[in-house]
Amino acid sequence: MKTTLEIPDDLFKQTKATAAMRGESLKEFVTEALQKHLELQTRAASSQRGWRSVFGQARREEVDSVDAVVAEELERIDPGEWQ
């Protein structure tokens, strides 16, 4: 499949030069890099359990709203009830 990506000039030049030094095409180099990155992400996600497996993938706004709800609920706790 063909696609168009916008990559910073410096990164593109470095990637293209590295691929050439390895005797690979840019397509081969980028495909391998993406595959390795996805494998690492998959391994990292599968090694975590429960909410931790998705928490790091949430957008900052979502995390902030969850934190606000948790903080609000913690404020309601009467420490005397936990003794």
C-alpha atoms as a PDB file:
ATOM      1  CA  MET A   1       0.000   0.000   0.000  1.00  0.00           C
ATOM      2  CA  LYS A   2       1.240   3.473  -0.769  1.00  0.00           C
ATOM      3  CA  THR A   3       0.902   6.336   1.661  1.00  0.00           C
ATOM      4  CA  THR A   4       2.285   9.795   2.244  1.00  0.00           C
ATOM      5  CA  LEU A   5       3.953  10.725   5.517  1.00  0.00           C
ATOM      6  CA  GLU A   6       5.366  13.995   6.725  1.00  0.00           C
ATOM      7  CA  ILE A   7       8.702  13.320   8.417  1.00  0.00           C
ATOM      8  CA  PRO A   8      11.062  15.971   9.754  1.00  0.00           C
ATOM      9  CA  ASP A   9      13.837  16.644   7.212  1.00  0.00           C
ATOM     10  CA  ASP A  10      16.678  15.671   9.544  1.00  0.00           C
ATOM     11  CA  LEU A  11      15.025  12.371  10.466  1.00  0.00           C
ATOM     12  CA  PHE A  12      14.306  11.576   6.830  1.00  0.00           C
ATOM     13  CA  LYS A  13      17.923  12.261   5.803  1.00  0.00           C
ATOM     14  CA  GLN A  14      19.298  10.156   8.655  1.00  0.00           C
ATOM     15  CA  THR A  15      16.888   7.313   7.887  1.00  0.00           C
ATOM     16  CA  LYS A  16      17.659   7.346   4.189  1.00  0.00           C
ATOM     17  CA  ALA A  17      21.431   7.422   4.821  1.00  0.00           C
ATOM     18  CA  THR A  18      21.230   4.581   7.346  1.00  0.00           C
ATOM     19  CA  ALA A  19      19.188   2.460   4.952  1.00  0.00           C
ATOM     20  CA  ALA A  20      21.726   3.092   2.186  1.00  0.00           C
ATOM     21  CA  MET A  21      24.647   2.144   4.454  1.00  0.00           C
ATOM     22  CA  ARG A  22      22.851  -1.111   5.272  1.00  0.00           C
ATOM     23  CA  GLY A  23      22.249  -1.793   1.589  1.00  0.00           C
ATOM     24  CA  GLU A  24      18.495  -1.544   2.008  1.00  0.00           C
ATOM     25  CA  SER A  25      15.863   0.510   0.295  1.00  0.00           C
ATOM     26  CA  LEU A  26      14.096   3.171   2.308  1.00  0.00           C
ATOM     27  CA  LYS A  27      10.928   1.053   2.077  1.00  0.00           C
ATOM     28  CA  GLU A  28      12.683  -2.018   3.508  1.00  0.00           C
ATOM     29  CA  PHE A  29      14.297  -0.031   6.313  1.00  0.00           C
ATOM     30  CA  VAL A  30      11.099   1.759   7.378  1.00  0.00           C
ATOM     31  CA  THR A  31       9.007  -1.415   7.141  1.00  0.00           C
ATOM     32  CA  GLU A  32      11.438  -3.293   9.405  1.00  0.00           C
ATOM     33  CA  ALA A  33      11.583  -0.385  11.862  1.00  0.00           C
ATOM     34  CA  LEU A  34       7.791  -0.193  12.075  1.00  0.00           C
ATOM     35  CA  GLN A  35       7.485  -3.959  12.546  1.00  0.00           C
ATOM     36  CA  LYS A  36      10.024  -3.931  15.390  1.00  0.00           C
ATOM     37  CA  HIS A  37       8.318  -0.975  17.054  1.00  0.00           C
ATOM     38  CA  LEU A  38       4.914  -2.679  16.886  1.00  0.00           C
ATOM     39  CA  GLU A  39       6.372  -5.902  18.324  1.00  0.00           C
ATOM     40  CA  LEU A  40       7.837  -3.977  21.266  1.00  0.00           C
ATOM     41  CA  GLN A  41       4.539  -2.185  21.885  1.00  0.00           C
ATOM     42  CA  THR A  42       2.603  -5.452  21.742  1.00  0.00           C
ATOM     43  CA  ARG A  43       4.998  -7.178  24.159  1.00  0.00           C
ATOM     44  CA  ALA A  44       4.874  -4.244  26.580  1.00  0.00           C
ATOM     45  CA  ALA A  45       1.068  -4.128  26.516  1.00  0.00           C
ATOM     46  CA  SER A  46       0.664  -7.882  26.939  1.00  0.00           C
ATOM     47  CA  SER A  47       3.046  -7.967  29.919  1.00  0.00           C
ATOM     48  CA  GLN A  48       0.808  -5.572  31.829  1.00  0.00           C
ATOM     49  CA  ARG A  49      -2.440  -6.619  33.419  1.00  0.00           C
ATOM     50  CA  GLY A  50      -5.733  -4.962  34.180  1.00  0.00           C
ATOM     51  CA  TRP A  51      -6.031  -1.196  33.896  1.00  0.00           C
ATOM     52  CA  ARG A  52      -2.259  -0.833  33.500  1.00  0.00           C
ATOM     53  CA  SER A  53      -2.446  -2.433  30.060  1.00  0.00           C
ATOM     54  CA  VAL A  54      -4.425   0.508  28.679  1.00  0.00           C
ATOM     55  CA  PHE A  55      -3.765   3.357  31.117  1.00  0.00           C
ATOM     56  CA  GLY A  56      -0.556   4.485  29.414  1.00  0.00           C
ATOM     57  CA  GLN A  57      -2.349   4.655  26.106  1.00  0.00           C
ATOM     58  CA  ALA A  58      -5.009   7.110  27.240  1.00  0.00           C
ATOM     59  CA  ARG A  59      -4.962  10.726  26.170  1.00  0.00           C
ATOM     60  CA  ARG A  60      -3.801  13.210  28.815  1.00  0.00           C
ATOM     61  CA  GLU A  61      -7.272  14.789  29.006  1.00  0.00           C
ATOM     62  CA  GLU A  62      -8.823  11.402  29.788  1.00  0.00           C
ATOM     63  CA  VAL A  63      -6.269  10.693  32.492  1.00  0.00           C
ATOM     64  CA  ASP A  64      -6.830  14.133  34.018  1.00  0.00           C
ATOM     65  CA  SER A  65     -10.601  13.615  34.159  1.00  0.00           C
ATOM     66  CA  VAL A  66     -10.182  10.202  35.805  1.00  0.00           C
ATOM     67  CA  ASP A  67      -7.715  11.689  38.306  1.00  0.00           C
ATOM     68  CA  ALA A  68     -10.237  14.411  39.145  1.00  0.00           C
ATOM     69  CA  VAL A  69     -12.999  11.867  39.810  1.00  0.00           C
ATOM     70  CA  VAL A  70     -10.702   9.734  41.972  1.00  0.00           C
ATOM     71  CA  ALA A  71      -9.501  12.774  43.938  1.00  0.00           C
ATOM     72  CA  GLU A  72     -13.093  13.886  44.500  1.00  0.00           C
ATOM     73  CA  GLU A  73     -14.106  10.450  45.772  1.00  0.00           C
ATOM     74  CA  LEU A  74     -11.075  10.239  48.066  1.00  0.00           C
ATOM     75  CA  GLU A  75     -12.069  13.555  49.626  1.00  0.00           C
ATOM     76  CA  ARG A  76     -15.393  11.968  50.687  1.00  0.00           C
ATOM     77  CA  ILE A  77     -13.720   9.200  52.683  1.00  0.00           C
ATOM     78  CA  ASP A  78     -14.068   9.551  56.427  1.00  0.00           C
ATOM     79  CA  PRO A  79     -10.789   8.287  57.933  1.00  0.00           C
ATOM     80  CA  GLY A  80     -12.713   7.255  61.063  1.00  0.00           C
ATOM     81  CA  GLU A  81     -14.660   4.705  59.035  1.00  0.00           C
ATOM     82  CA  TRP A  82     -11.449   2.905  58.075  1.00  0.00           C
ATOM     83  CA  GLN A  83     -10.210   2.211  61.588  1.00  0.00           C
END
